[in-house]
Amino acid sequence: GDDLLIELSSDGFTSIPLSNGINFGPMLNYLGYKRGVIVCCQNLEDLSERVDFYSRFFGPKVGIEEDPVTGSAHCVLATYFAEKLDRDFVVGMQKSGRGGIVECTIADGHVRIAGS
């Protein structure tokens, strides 16, 4: 597919370094995707944040080491976490340097996103 989705544990996710500390060579060499790598984890720990999952998006094959907030990735993540959590509304937080929150609604086979 275009993107590769990888779900990690919370500990695994928080251990990902800032993008300037990542060796992008293996991502560039891996043939299992065309555009980007979506890394995520479910929010099971910080329930004070009204967020269902956290994510980061890396696109070295298309010249983007790390995208700050990726709408297309949240369309993939929304479908994944809505099914996993058995809900039609989920909230994601992209944990890049700039970051952002994306509210995702699944209805009639489509994903609607709104962000801040």
Protein backbone atom coordinates (compact mmCIF):
# COMPACT_ATOMS: atom_id res chain seq x y z
CA GLY A 1 0.00 0.00 0.00
CA ASP A 2 0.89 3.64 0.04
CA ASP A 3 1.51 3.79 3.80
CA LEU A 4 2.76 1.32 6.37
CA LEU A 5 0.90 1.37 9.71
CA ILE A 6 2.83 0.24 12.80
CA GLU A 7 1.19 0.13 16.24
CA LEU A 8 3.56 0.14 19.20
CA SER A 9 3.14 -0.08 22.94
CA SER A 10 3.10 3.25 24.78
CA ASP A 11 6.68 2.65 25.94
CA GLY A 12 7.81 1.83 22.42
CA PHE A 13 6.11 4.90 21.01
CA THR A 14 7.56 7.31 23.56
CA SER A 15 11.04 5.91 22.97
CA ILE A 16 11.09 7.08 19.31
CA PRO A 17 13.67 9.86 19.12
CA LEU A 18 13.13 13.27 17.59
CA SER A 19 13.36 13.10 13.80
CA ASN A 20 16.94 14.42 13.81
CA GLY A 21 17.93 11.31 15.80
CA ILE A 22 16.33 8.77 13.46
CA ASN A 23 18.25 6.71 10.92
CA PHE A 24 15.90 6.88 7.91
CA GLY A 25 17.99 4.41 5.86
CA PRO A 26 15.91 1.33 6.77
CA MET A 27 12.66 3.20 5.96
CA LEU A 28 14.05 4.22 2.58
CA ASN A 29 15.20 0.68 1.80
CA TYR A 30 12.05 -1.18 2.91
CA LEU A 31 9.90 -2.05 -0.12
CA GLY A 32 6.64 -2.69 1.77
CA TYR A 33 5.21 0.81 1.27
CA LYS A 34 5.33 3.68 -1.24
CA ARG A 35 4.66 6.94 0.64
CA GLY A 36 4.99 6.97 4.42
CA VAL A 37 5.28 5.16 7.72
CA ILE A 38 2.54 5.83 10.27
CA VAL A 39 3.62 4.93 13.80
CA CYS A 40 0.95 4.95 16.49
CA CYS A 41 -0.09 3.76 19.92
CA GLN A 42 -3.37 3.68 21.76
CA ASN A 43 -3.67 6.07 24.70
CA LEU A 44 -4.14 3.70 27.61
CA GLU A 45 -2.30 5.72 30.23
CA ASP A 46 -2.99 9.46 30.14
CA LEU A 47 -6.76 9.54 30.40
CA SER A 48 -6.66 13.22 31.37
CA GLU A 49 -5.98 13.87 27.67
CA ARG A 50 -9.12 13.38 25.63
CA VAL A 51 -7.16 11.48 23.01
CA ASP A 52 -7.65 7.90 21.85
CA PHE A 53 -4.31 7.47 20.09
CA TYR A 54 -0.97 9.13 19.38
CA SER A 55 0.84 9.09 16.06
CA ARG A 56 3.83 10.23 14.06
CA PHE A 57 4.26 10.20 10.29
CA PHE A 58 7.56 9.69 8.48
CA GLY A 59 7.84 10.07 4.71
CA PRO A 60 11.50 9.88 3.71
CA LYS A 61 10.60 8.25 0.37
CA VAL A 62 8.70 11.40 -0.62
CA GLY A 63 11.20 13.86 0.87
CA ILE A 64 9.48 14.42 4.22
CA GLU A 65 11.43 13.18 7.22
CA GLU A 66 8.53 13.91 9.60
CA ASP A 67 5.26 15.63 8.79
CA PRO A 68 3.86 17.82 11.61
CA VAL A 69 0.18 16.84 11.24
CA THR A 70 -0.94 14.45 8.51
CA GLY A 71 -4.62 14.44 7.54
CA SER A 72 -4.34 11.46 5.22
CA ALA A 73 -2.64 9.41 7.94
CA HIS A 74 -5.48 10.26 10.32
CA CYS A 75 -7.97 8.90 7.80
CA VAL A 76 -6.14 5.56 8.03
CA LEU A 77 -5.78 5.82 11.81
CA ALA A 78 -9.45 6.79 12.27
CA THR A 79 -10.64 3.67 10.47
CA TYR A 80 -8.19 1.48 12.39
CA PHE A 81 -8.97 2.82 15.87
CA ALA A 82 -12.73 3.20 15.27
CA GLU A 83 -12.86 -0.52 14.50
CA LYS A 84 -10.55 -1.43 17.36
CA LEU A 85 -12.51 0.67 19.90
CA ASP A 86 -15.93 -0.05 18.33
CA ARG A 87 -16.74 3.65 17.94
CA ASP A 88 -17.52 6.03 15.10
CA PHE A 89 -15.68 9.02 16.63
CA VAL A 90 -12.03 8.98 17.71
CA VAL A 91 -9.47 11.65 18.53
CA GLY A 92 -5.81 11.45 17.62
CA MET A 93 -2.79 13.53 18.58
CA GLN A 94 0.18 13.72 16.27
CA LYS A 95 3.27 14.01 18.46
CA SER A 96 5.65 15.69 16.03
CA GLY A 97 7.60 18.78 17.01
CA ARG A 98 4.64 21.01 16.14
CA GLY A 99 1.93 18.42 16.64
CA GLY A 100 -1.81 18.72 16.56
CA ILE A 101 -5.10 17.14 17.53
CA VAL A 102 -7.35 15.61 14.89
CA GLU A 103 -10.98 14.68 15.56
CA CYS A 104 -12.16 11.89 13.28
CA THR A 105 -15.73 10.83 12.50
CA ILE A 106 -16.56 7.74 10.48
CA ALA A 107 -19.94 7.80 8.72
CA ASP A 108 -21.30 6.08 5.61
CA GLY A 109 -17.90 4.65 4.72
CA HIS A 110 -16.17 8.02 4.83
CA VAL A 111 -13.86 9.70 7.33
CA ARG A 112 -14.33 13.35 8.25
CA ILE A 113 -11.48 15.05 10.04
CA ALA A 114 -11.19 18.36 11.86
CA GLY A 115 -8.06 19.56 13.54
CA SER A 116 -6.36 22.09 15.68
